[in-house]
Amino acid sequence: MPKRTCLRLLWDSTSKKVLYYFAITINGLQSKNKWNELGAVSGPNQTTDAVLLTSSGFLSRPAEVRYEDTWVTLHKRAKESAIAGEAVDEEVVMLSAHWEKRRNGLLELQEQLQQIPAFLLHLESITSKISHLAADFEELEGHLMHLEDLCGQCEMQRYKQFQMQQVENYKKKKRKELETLKAC
């Protein structure tokens, strides 16, 4: 079985070089720390785990390509995740605003529902007042009819008195005429 070494790298992004590595031999108990300037290797972070080394201690070209491909894939997926996250965030904001409007509508409706018992009591009070007013109007209508009857009787009485007065005046006039005829 070939020796495989797991390496932890410290990456310097300005010089684009690995400054420090910690290597562990997988099929043995060897481990070593080394300050070293290895060849330029591109990568996204300052530290990277589990890179395979050749027996000389440097990254082989296929390992470097796999590392770069992995980094590019991770970077691409991170961008896609960020775009998807922004879309989800926009959707959450829209849904939040939508549900906030609905919640406000429900709160307003609940407030109105809480006012219904007081409104019903007020309506019941108004209804009883209207029924009392209706009874009062009926009583007033009865009184007005009685007053109208009394006015009619008074009118009739006055007309009778006027007629009696005219008859009395006519009788007086005829007596005078009769007396003047008798006196002549």
N, C-alpha and C. Protein backbone atom coordinates (compact mmCIF):
# COMPACT_ATOMS: atom_id res chain seq x y z
N MET A 1 0.85 -1.18 0.00
CA MET A 1 0.00 0.00 0.00
C MET A 1 0.89 1.25 0.00
N PRO A 2 0.64 2.21 -0.96
CA PRO A 2 1.50 3.40 -1.01
C PRO A 2 1.23 4.30 0.19
N LYS A 3 2.25 5.09 0.51
CA LYS A 3 2.10 6.03 1.62
C LYS A 3 1.18 7.16 1.18
N ARG A 4 0.22 7.51 2.03
CA ARG A 4 -0.65 8.66 1.76
C ARG A 4 -0.49 9.62 2.92
N THR A 5 -0.34 10.87 2.62
CA THR A 5 -0.11 11.87 3.65
C THR A 5 -1.23 12.89 3.59
N CYS A 6 -1.79 13.20 4.76
CA CYS A 6 -2.82 14.24 4.86
C CYS A 6 -2.11 15.52 5.28
N LEU A 7 -2.43 16.61 4.65
CA LEU A 7 -1.70 17.85 4.85
C LEU A 7 -2.65 18.99 5.19
N ARG A 8 -2.28 19.80 6.17
CA ARG A 8 -3.02 21.04 6.46
C ARG A 8 -2.11 22.17 6.02
N LEU A 9 -2.61 23.04 5.11
CA LEU A 9 -1.80 24.10 4.52
C LEU A 9 -2.19 25.45 5.08
N LEU A 10 -1.21 26.34 5.25
CA LEU A 10 -1.46 27.75 5.55
C LEU A 10 -1.14 28.51 4.27
N TRP A 11 -2.15 29.17 3.72
CA TRP A 11 -2.05 29.79 2.40
C TRP A 11 -1.84 31.28 2.56
N ASP A 12 -0.87 31.83 1.89
CA ASP A 12 -0.64 33.27 1.86
C ASP A 12 -1.23 33.79 0.56
N SER A 13 -2.33 34.57 0.69
CA SER A 13 -3.04 35.01 -0.52
C SER A 13 -2.29 36.10 -1.27
N THR A 14 -1.39 36.84 -0.61
CA THR A 14 -0.67 37.89 -1.33
C THR A 14 0.45 37.32 -2.19
N SER A 15 1.24 36.40 -1.64
CA SER A 15 2.33 35.82 -2.43
C SER A 15 1.88 34.58 -3.18
N LYS A 16 0.65 34.13 -2.91
CA LYS A 16 0.08 32.95 -3.54
C LYS A 16 0.98 31.74 -3.34
N LYS A 17 1.46 31.57 -2.10
CA LYS A 17 2.32 30.44 -1.77
C LYS A 17 1.86 29.82 -0.46
N VAL A 18 2.17 28.54 -0.31
CA VAL A 18 1.91 27.84 0.94
C VAL A 18 3.08 28.12 1.86
N LEU A 19 2.81 28.70 3.04
CA LEU A 19 3.89 29.06 3.95
C LEU A 19 4.16 27.97 4.98
N TYR A 20 3.16 27.22 5.36
CA TYR A 20 3.31 26.26 6.46
C TYR A 20 2.46 25.05 6.15
N TYR A 21 2.96 23.88 6.49
CA TYR A 21 2.10 22.71 6.35
C TYR A 21 2.34 21.79 7.52
N PHE A 22 1.31 21.01 7.84
CA PHE A 22 1.38 20.00 8.90
C PHE A 22 1.00 18.70 8.23
N ALA A 23 1.90 17.74 8.20
CA ALA A 23 1.67 16.50 7.46
C ALA A 23 1.53 15.34 8.43
N ILE A 24 0.61 14.43 8.11
CA ILE A 24 0.42 13.20 8.88
C ILE A 24 0.44 12.05 7.89
N THR A 25 1.27 11.06 8.15
CA THR A 25 1.29 9.88 7.31
C THR A 25 0.16 8.99 7.75
N ILE A 26 -0.68 8.57 6.80
CA ILE A 26 -1.89 7.84 7.15
C ILE A 26 -1.60 6.40 7.55
N ASN A 27 -0.66 5.69 6.90
CA ASN A 27 -0.42 4.29 7.25
C ASN A 27 0.77 4.12 8.19
N GLY A 28 1.12 5.19 8.87
CA GLY A 28 2.20 5.11 9.85
C GLY A 28 1.93 6.10 10.97
N LEU A 29 2.89 6.26 11.87
CA LEU A 29 2.69 7.16 13.00
C LEU A 29 3.51 8.43 12.85
N GLN A 30 4.00 8.69 11.64
CA GLN A 30 4.83 9.86 11.42
C GLN A 30 4.00 11.13 11.40
N SER A 31 4.54 12.21 11.93
CA SER A 31 3.95 13.53 11.74
C SER A 31 5.08 14.54 11.77
N LYS A 32 4.94 15.63 11.05
CA LYS A 32 5.98 16.64 11.06
C LYS A 32 5.37 18.02 10.80
N ASN A 33 5.97 19.03 11.37
CA ASN A 33 5.62 20.43 11.11
C ASN A 33 6.80 21.05 10.36
N LYS A 34 6.51 21.87 9.40
CA LYS A 34 7.58 22.44 8.61
C LYS A 34 7.19 23.81 8.11
N TRP A 35 8.08 24.78 8.30
CA TRP A 35 7.92 26.06 7.61
C TRP A 35 8.57 25.86 6.26
N ASN A 36 7.83 26.20 5.24
CA ASN A 36 8.39 25.95 3.93
C ASN A 36 7.66 26.83 2.93
N GLU A 37 8.37 27.27 1.95
CA GLU A 37 7.72 27.97 0.86
C GLU A 37 7.61 26.98 -0.27
N LEU A 38 6.38 26.45 -0.44
CA LEU A 38 6.14 25.51 -1.53
C LEU A 38 5.82 26.30 -2.78
N GLY A 39 5.69 25.63 -3.90
CA GLY A 39 5.38 26.30 -5.14
C GLY A 39 4.01 26.95 -5.10
N ALA A 40 3.76 27.86 -5.98
CA ALA A 40 2.49 28.60 -6.02
C ALA A 40 1.34 27.65 -6.31
N VAL A 41 0.34 27.69 -5.44
CA VAL A 41 -0.87 26.87 -5.60
C VAL A 41 -2.05 27.81 -5.39
N SER A 42 -3.00 27.82 -6.30
CA SER A 42 -4.14 28.73 -6.15
C SER A 42 -5.18 28.10 -5.24
N GLY A 43 -5.87 28.93 -4.47
CA GLY A 43 -6.92 28.43 -3.57
C GLY A 43 -7.69 29.58 -2.97
N PRO A 44 -8.89 29.31 -2.46
CA PRO A 44 -9.75 30.38 -2.01
C PRO A 44 -9.46 30.85 -0.59
N ASN A 45 -8.94 29.99 0.26
CA ASN A 45 -8.80 30.33 1.67
C ASN A 45 -7.34 30.28 2.06
N GLN A 46 -7.06 30.68 3.28
CA GLN A 46 -5.69 30.58 3.76
C GLN A 46 -5.38 29.18 4.25
N THR A 47 -6.38 28.41 4.66
CA THR A 47 -6.10 27.04 5.10
C THR A 47 -6.97 26.08 4.32
N THR A 48 -6.42 24.89 4.05
CA THR A 48 -7.14 23.85 3.34
C THR A 48 -6.75 22.53 3.96
N ASP A 49 -7.68 21.59 4.05
CA ASP A 49 -7.42 20.30 4.67
C ASP A 49 -7.37 19.19 3.62
N ALA A 50 -6.72 18.10 3.97
CA ALA A 50 -6.76 16.83 3.26
C ALA A 50 -6.33 16.93 1.81
N VAL A 51 -5.15 17.47 1.57
CA VAL A 51 -4.58 17.48 0.22
C VAL A 51 -3.52 16.38 0.19
N LEU A 52 -3.53 15.53 -0.84
CA LEU A 52 -2.55 14.43 -0.93
C LEU A 52 -1.23 14.95 -1.49
N LEU A 53 -0.15 14.47 -0.89
CA LEU A 53 1.18 14.87 -1.33
C LEU A 53 1.86 13.71 -2.04
N THR A 54 2.80 14.04 -2.88
CA THR A 54 3.65 13.00 -3.46
C THR A 54 4.73 12.66 -2.45
N SER A 55 5.54 11.69 -2.76
CA SER A 55 6.58 11.29 -1.82
C SER A 55 7.61 12.39 -1.62
N SER A 56 7.72 13.32 -2.58
CA SER A 56 8.68 14.42 -2.43
C SER A 56 8.15 15.52 -1.52
N GLY A 57 6.84 15.52 -1.22
CA GLY A 57 6.29 16.53 -0.32
C GLY A 57 5.54 17.64 -1.03
N PHE A 58 5.64 17.73 -2.36
CA PHE A 58 4.92 18.75 -3.11
C PHE A 58 3.65 18.16 -3.70
N LEU A 59 2.70 19.03 -4.00
CA LEU A 59 1.46 18.59 -4.63
C LEU A 59 1.76 18.12 -6.04
N SER A 60 1.19 16.99 -6.39
CA SER A 60 1.34 16.53 -7.77
C SER A 60 0.41 17.36 -8.64
N ARG A 61 0.65 17.41 -9.91
CA ARG A 61 -0.17 18.20 -10.84
C ARG A 61 -1.62 17.72 -10.82
N PRO A 62 -1.93 16.41 -10.88
CA PRO A 62 -3.34 15.99 -10.82
C PRO A 62 -4.00 16.38 -9.50
N ALA A 63 -3.25 16.31 -8.40
CA ALA A 63 -3.84 16.70 -7.11
C ALA A 63 -4.13 18.19 -7.09
N GLU A 64 -3.22 18.98 -7.68
CA GLU A 64 -3.41 20.42 -7.74
C GLU A 64 -4.63 20.75 -8.59
N VAL A 65 -4.78 20.06 -9.72
CA VAL A 65 -5.93 20.29 -10.60
C VAL A 65 -7.23 19.91 -9.89
N ARG A 66 -7.20 18.74 -9.19
CA ARG A 66 -8.40 18.34 -8.44
C ARG A 66 -8.73 19.37 -7.36
N TYR A 67 -7.69 19.88 -6.70
CA TYR A 67 -7.89 20.89 -5.66
C TYR A 67 -8.52 22.15 -6.26
N GLU A 68 -7.97 22.61 -7.40
CA GLU A 68 -8.51 23.80 -8.05
C GLU A 68 -9.94 23.56 -8.54
N ASP A 69 -10.18 22.38 -9.11
CA ASP A 69 -11.53 22.05 -9.58
C ASP A 69 -12.52 22.03 -8.42
N THR A 70 -12.06 21.45 -7.31
CA THR A 70 -12.93 21.41 -6.13
C THR A 70 -13.22 22.82 -5.64
N TRP A 71 -12.17 23.65 -5.61
CA TRP A 71 -12.36 25.03 -5.16
C TRP A 71 -13.31 25.77 -6.09
N VAL A 72 -13.16 25.62 -7.41
CA VAL A 72 -14.04 26.29 -8.38
C VAL A 72 -15.47 25.81 -8.20
N THR A 73 -15.64 24.49 -8.03
CA THR A 73 -16.99 23.94 -7.82
C THR A 73 -17.61 24.50 -6.55
N LEU A 74 -16.81 24.50 -5.47
CA LEU A 74 -17.32 25.05 -4.20
C LEU A 74 -17.69 26.52 -4.34
N HIS A 75 -16.83 27.28 -5.02
CA HIS A 75 -17.09 28.70 -5.22
C HIS A 75 -18.37 28.91 -6.04
N LYS A 76 -18.51 28.11 -7.11
CA LYS A 76 -19.70 28.21 -7.96
C LYS A 76 -20.96 27.86 -7.16
N ARG A 77 -20.89 26.79 -6.36
CA ARG A 77 -22.04 26.39 -5.55
C ARG A 77 -22.36 27.44 -4.49
N ALA A 78 -21.32 28.07 -3.95
CA ALA A 78 -21.54 29.13 -2.96
C ALA A 78 -22.27 30.30 -3.60
N LYS A 79 -21.86 30.67 -4.84
CA LYS A 79 -22.56 31.76 -5.55
C LYS A 79 -24.00 31.38 -5.83
N GLU A 80 -24.21 30.14 -6.31
CA GLU A 80 -25.58 29.68 -6.58
C GLU A 80 -26.41 29.69 -5.31
N SER A 81 -25.80 29.25 -4.21
CA SER A 81 -26.51 29.25 -2.93
C SER A 81 -26.84 30.67 -2.50
N ALA A 82 -25.91 31.61 -2.74
CA ALA A 82 -26.17 33.01 -2.38
C ALA A 82 -27.31 33.58 -3.20
N ILE A 83 -27.33 33.27 -4.50
CA ILE A 83 -28.42 33.75 -5.37
C ILE A 83 -29.74 33.14 -4.94
N ALA A 84 -29.72 31.83 -4.67
CA ALA A 84 -30.94 31.17 -4.20
C ALA A 84 -31.37 31.74 -2.85
N GLY A 85 -30.39 32.02 -1.98
CA GLY A 85 -30.70 32.62 -0.68
C GLY A 85 -31.34 33.99 -0.82
N GLU A 86 -30.82 34.81 -1.77
CA GLU A 86 -31.42 36.12 -2.02
C GLU A 86 -32.84 35.99 -2.52
N ALA A 87 -33.07 35.03 -3.43
CA ALA A 87 -34.42 34.81 -3.95
C ALA A 87 -35.36 34.38 -2.83
N VAL A 88 -34.86 33.48 -1.99
CA VAL A 88 -35.68 33.02 -0.85
C VAL A 88 -35.94 34.18 0.10
N ASP A 89 -34.92 35.02 0.32
CA ASP A 89 -35.08 36.17 1.21
C ASP A 89 -36.13 37.13 0.66
N GLU A 90 -36.09 37.40 -0.66
CA GLU A 90 -37.10 38.27 -1.27
C GLU A 90 -38.49 37.68 -1.11
N GLU A 91 -38.60 36.38 -1.32
CA GLU A 91 -39.89 35.70 -1.17
C GLU A 91 -40.38 35.79 0.27
N VAL A 92 -39.44 35.60 1.21
CA VAL A 92 -39.81 35.68 2.63
C VAL A 92 -40.27 37.09 2.97
N VAL A 93 -39.59 38.11 2.43
CA VAL A 93 -40.00 39.50 2.68
C VAL A 93 -41.39 39.75 2.12
N MET A 94 -41.64 39.27 0.88
CA MET A 94 -42.96 39.46 0.28
C MET A 94 -44.03 38.73 1.08
N LEU A 95 -43.74 37.49 1.45
CA LEU A 95 -44.70 36.73 2.25
C LEU A 95 -44.92 37.37 3.61
N SER A 96 -43.85 37.88 4.18
CA SER A 96 -43.97 38.54 5.48
C SER A 96 -44.87 39.77 5.37
N ALA A 97 -44.67 40.57 4.31
CA ALA A 97 -45.51 41.76 4.11
C ALA A 97 -46.96 41.34 3.87
N HIS A 98 -47.14 40.29 3.06
CA HIS A 98 -48.50 39.80 2.77
C HIS A 98 -49.19 39.35 4.04
N TRP A 99 -48.48 38.56 4.85
CA TRP A 99 -49.09 38.05 6.08
C TRP A 99 -49.24 39.15 7.12
N GLU A 100 -48.39 40.17 7.06
CA GLU A 100 -48.54 41.31 7.97
C GLU A 100 -49.83 42.06 7.66
N LYS A 101 -50.11 42.23 6.34
CA LYS A 101 -51.38 42.87 5.94
C LYS A 101 -52.56 42.04 6.41
N ARG A 102 -52.46 40.74 6.21
CA ARG A 102 -53.55 39.86 6.65
C ARG A 102 -53.71 39.91 8.16
N ARG A 103 -52.58 39.92 8.87
CA ARG A 103 -52.63 39.96 10.34
C ARG A 103 -53.27 41.27 10.80
N ASN A 104 -52.89 42.39 10.14
CA ASN A 104 -53.49 43.68 10.49
C ASN A 104 -54.99 43.66 10.22
N GLY A 105 -55.39 43.07 9.09
CA GLY A 105 -56.82 42.95 8.78
C GLY A 105 -57.54 42.12 9.82
N LEU A 106 -56.91 41.02 10.23
CA LEU A 106 -57.52 40.17 11.26
C LEU A 106 -57.60 40.89 12.60
N LEU A 107 -56.56 41.66 12.94
CA LEU A 107 -56.60 42.41 14.20
C LEU A 107 -57.71 43.46 14.17
N GLU A 108 -57.85 44.13 13.03
CA GLU A 108 -58.93 45.11 12.88
C GLU A 108 -60.29 44.43 12.99
N LEU A 109 -60.42 43.29 12.34
CA LEU A 109 -61.67 42.53 12.41
C LEU A 109 -61.94 42.07 13.83
N GLN A 110 -60.90 41.62 14.52
CA GLN A 110 -61.07 41.18 15.91
C GLN A 110 -61.51 42.36 16.78
N GLU A 111 -60.93 43.53 16.54
CA GLU A 111 -61.32 44.72 17.30
C GLU A 111 -62.79 45.06 17.04
N GLN A 112 -63.20 44.96 15.79
CA GLN A 112 -64.60 45.22 15.45
C GLN A 112 -65.50 44.16 16.08
N LEU A 113 -65.05 42.91 16.09
CA LEU A 113 -65.84 41.85 16.71
C LEU A 113 -66.00 42.08 18.21
N GLN A 114 -64.97 42.62 18.83
CA GLN A 114 -65.06 42.91 20.25
C GLN A 114 -66.03 44.05 20.53
N GLN A 115 -66.25 44.91 19.54
CA GLN A 115 -67.18 46.02 19.71
C GLN A 115 -68.62 45.61 19.43
N ILE A 116 -68.84 44.43 18.88
CA ILE A 116 -70.20 43.98 18.53
C ILE A 116 -71.11 43.90 19.74
N PRO A 117 -70.71 43.33 20.89
CA PRO A 117 -71.64 43.28 22.03
C PRO A 117 -72.11 44.68 22.46
N ALA A 118 -71.20 45.64 22.53
CA ALA A 118 -71.60 47.01 22.88
C ALA A 118 -72.53 47.58 21.82
N PHE A 119 -72.23 47.30 20.56
CA PHE A 119 -73.10 47.77 19.48
C PHE A 119 -74.49 47.16 19.59
N LEU A 120 -74.54 45.86 19.90
CA LEU A 120 -75.84 45.19 20.04
C LEU A 120 -76.63 45.76 21.21
N LEU A 121 -75.95 46.05 22.33
CA LEU A 121 -76.63 46.68 23.46
C LEU A 121 -77.18 48.05 23.08
N HIS A 122 -76.37 48.82 22.38
CA HIS A 122 -76.80 50.14 21.92
C HIS A 122 -77.99 50.01 20.96
N LEU A 123 -77.91 49.05 20.06
CA LEU A 123 -79.00 48.81 19.11
C LEU A 123 -80.27 48.39 19.84
N GLU A 124 -80.12 47.53 20.84
CA GLU A 124 -81.28 47.09 21.63
C GLU A 124 -81.89 48.27 22.37
N SER A 125 -81.05 49.14 22.92
CA SER A 125 -81.53 50.34 23.61
C SER A 125 -82.30 51.24 22.65
N ILE A 126 -81.75 51.43 21.46
CA ILE A 126 -82.43 52.27 20.46
C ILE A 126 -83.75 51.64 20.05
N THR A 127 -83.76 50.32 19.88
CA THR A 127 -84.99 49.62 19.50
C THR A 127 -86.06 49.78 20.56
N SER A 128 -85.68 49.65 21.85
CA SER A 128 -86.68 49.82 22.91
C SER A 128 -87.17 51.27 22.95
N LYS A 129 -86.27 52.23 22.72
CA LYS A 129 -86.70 53.64 22.69
C LYS A 129 -87.65 53.87 21.53
N ILE A 130 -87.36 53.25 20.39
CA ILE A 130 -88.26 53.40 19.23
C ILE A 130 -89.62 52.80 19.53
N SER A 131 -89.65 51.64 20.19
CA SER A 131 -90.95 51.04 20.52
C SER A 131 -91.71 51.91 21.52
N HIS A 132 -91.00 52.52 22.49
CA HIS A 132 -91.65 53.46 23.42
C HIS A 132 -92.17 54.67 22.66
N LEU A 133 -91.36 55.17 21.72
CA LEU A 133 -91.81 56.31 20.91
C LEU A 133 -93.02 55.94 20.07
N ALA A 134 -93.04 54.73 19.55
CA ALA A 134 -94.20 54.30 18.75
C ALA A 134 -95.45 54.29 19.63
N ALA A 135 -95.33 53.79 20.86
CA ALA A 135 -96.48 53.80 21.79
C ALA A 135 -96.88 55.23 22.11
N ASP A 136 -95.89 56.10 22.33
CA ASP A 136 -96.19 57.51 22.61
C ASP A 136 -96.87 58.17 21.41
N PHE A 137 -96.41 57.84 20.20
CA PHE A 137 -97.04 58.41 19.00
C PHE A 137 -98.48 57.94 18.86
N GLU A 138 -98.73 56.67 19.17
CA GLU A 138 -100.12 56.18 19.10
C GLU A 138 -100.99 56.91 20.11
N GLU A 139 -100.45 57.10 21.33
CA GLU A 139 -101.21 57.84 22.35
C GLU A 139 -101.44 59.27 21.90
N LEU A 140 -100.41 59.90 21.34
CA LEU A 140 -100.54 61.28 20.85
C LEU A 140 -101.54 61.35 19.72
N GLU A 141 -101.53 60.35 18.84
CA GLU A 141 -102.50 60.32 17.75
C GLU A 141 -103.92 60.24 18.30
N GLY A 142 -104.12 59.43 19.35
CA GLY A 142 -105.44 59.34 20.00
C GLY A 142 -105.85 60.69 20.57
N HIS A 143 -104.92 61.37 21.23
CA HIS A 143 -105.22 62.69 21.80
C HIS A 143 -105.53 63.69 20.69
N LEU A 144 -104.78 63.63 19.58
CA LEU A 144 -105.05 64.55 18.46
C LEU A 144 -106.43 64.30 17.86
N MET A 145 -106.82 63.04 17.76
CA MET A 145 -108.16 62.73 17.23
C MET A 145 -109.24 63.27 18.17
N HIS A 146 -109.02 63.09 19.48
CA HIS A 146 -109.98 63.62 20.45
C HIS A 146 -110.05 65.14 20.34
N LEU A 147 -108.87 65.79 20.21
CA LEU A 147 -108.85 67.25 20.05
C LEU A 147 -109.57 67.67 18.79
N GLU A 148 -109.37 66.92 17.72
CA GLU A 148 -110.06 67.23 16.46
C GLU A 148 -111.58 67.10 16.64
N ASP A 149 -112.02 66.07 17.36
CA ASP A 149 -113.45 65.92 17.65
C ASP A 149 -113.97 67.11 18.46
N LEU A 150 -113.19 67.51 19.48
CA LEU A 150 -113.59 68.66 20.30
C LEU A 150 -113.66 69.93 19.46
N CYS A 151 -112.67 70.10 18.57
CA CYS A 151 -112.67 71.29 17.70
C CYS A 151 -113.91 71.26 16.79
N GLY A 152 -114.24 70.09 16.29
CA GLY A 152 -115.44 69.97 15.45
C GLY A 152 -116.70 70.30 16.24
N GLN A 153 -116.77 69.82 17.48
CA GLN A 153 -117.93 70.13 18.33
C GLN A 153 -118.00 71.62 18.62
N CYS A 154 -116.84 72.24 18.93
CA CYS A 154 -116.83 73.69 19.18
C CYS A 154 -117.28 74.46 17.94
N GLU A 155 -116.80 74.04 16.80
CA GLU A 155 -117.19 74.70 15.54
C GLU A 155 -118.69 74.57 15.33
N MET A 156 -119.19 73.38 15.58
CA MET A 156 -120.63 73.14 15.43
C MET A 156 -121.41 74.01 16.43
N GLN A 157 -120.92 74.08 17.64
CA GLN A 157 -121.57 74.88 18.67
C GLN A 157 -121.59 76.34 18.26
N ARG A 158 -120.48 76.87 17.77
CA ARG A 158 -120.42 78.26 17.32
C ARG A 158 -121.38 78.50 16.16
N TYR A 159 -121.39 77.57 15.23
CA TYR A 159 -122.29 77.72 14.08
C TYR A 159 -123.75 77.73 14.55
N LYS A 160 -124.06 76.84 15.53
CA LYS A 160 -125.42 76.83 16.07
C LYS A 160 -125.75 78.17 16.73
N GLN A 161 -124.82 78.67 17.53
CA GLN A 161 -125.06 79.95 18.19
C GLN A 161 -125.22 81.07 17.17
N PHE A 162 -124.37 81.03 16.11
CA PHE A 162 -124.49 82.04 15.06
C PHE A 162 -125.86 81.95 14.39
N GLN A 163 -126.27 80.73 14.09
CA GLN A 163 -127.58 80.53 13.45
C GLN A 163 -128.70 80.99 14.40
N MET A 164 -128.59 80.65 15.67
CA MET A 164 -129.61 81.06 16.64
C MET A 164 -129.64 82.57 16.76
N GLN A 165 -128.45 83.19 16.71
CA GLN A 165 -128.38 84.65 16.78
C GLN A 165 -129.05 85.25 15.55
N GLN A 166 -128.82 84.67 14.39
CA GLN A 166 -129.45 85.19 13.17
C GLN A 166 -130.98 85.01 13.23
N VAL A 167 -131.39 83.85 13.74
CA VAL A 167 -132.84 83.63 13.87
C VAL A 167 -133.42 84.65 14.85
N GLU A 168 -132.74 84.88 15.93
CA GLU A 168 -133.21 85.84 16.94
C GLU A 168 -133.27 87.24 16.33
N ASN A 169 -132.22 87.62 15.57
CA ASN A 169 -132.21 88.93 14.91
C ASN A 169 -133.35 89.03 13.89
N TYR A 170 -133.56 87.97 13.16
CA TYR A 170 -134.65 87.95 12.17
C TYR A 170 -136.01 88.11 12.86
N LYS A 171 -136.17 87.39 13.99
CA LYS A 171 -137.43 87.50 14.74
C LYS A 171 -137.62 88.94 15.24
N LYS A 172 -136.56 89.56 15.75
CA LYS A 172 -136.65 90.92 16.25
C LYS A 172 -137.03 91.86 15.11
N LYS A 173 -136.40 91.65 13.98
CA LYS A 173 -136.68 92.51 12.83
C LYS A 173 -138.13 92.35 12.39
N LYS A 174 -138.62 91.16 12.36
CA LYS A 174 -140.01 90.90 11.94
C LYS A 174 -140.98 91.46 12.99
N ARG A 175 -140.68 91.38 14.25
CA ARG A 175 -141.56 91.96 15.28
C ARG A 175 -141.63 93.47 15.11
N LYS A 176 -140.49 94.07 14.84
CA LYS A 176 -140.50 95.51 14.65
C LYS A 176 -141.35 95.88 13.45
N GLU A 177 -141.17 95.11 12.39
CA GLU A 177 -141.96 95.39 11.18
C GLU A 177 -143.45 95.19 11.48
N LEU A 178 -143.76 94.18 12.22
CA LEU A 178 -145.16 93.91 12.58
C LEU A 178 -145.69 95.05 13.47
N GLU A 179 -144.93 95.51 14.37
CA GLU A 179 -145.35 96.59 15.25
C GLU A 179 -145.51 97.88 14.43
N THR A 180 -144.62 98.13 13.51
CA THR A 180 -144.78 99.33 12.69
C THR A 180 -145.98 99.19 11.77
N LEU A 181 -146.28 98.05 11.34
CA LEU A 181 -147.47 97.84 10.51
C LEU A 181 -148.72 97.99 11.38
N LYS A 182 -148.65 97.48 12.56
CA LYS A 182 -149.80 97.63 13.46
C LYS A 182 -149.94 99.09 13.86
N ALA A 183 -148.92 99.79 14.07
CA ALA A 183 -148.98 101.17 14.46
C ALA A 183 -149.38 102.04 13.29
N CYS A 184 -149.20 101.72 12.24
CA CYS A 184 -149.61 102.53 11.12
C CYS A 184 -151.00 102.28 10.84
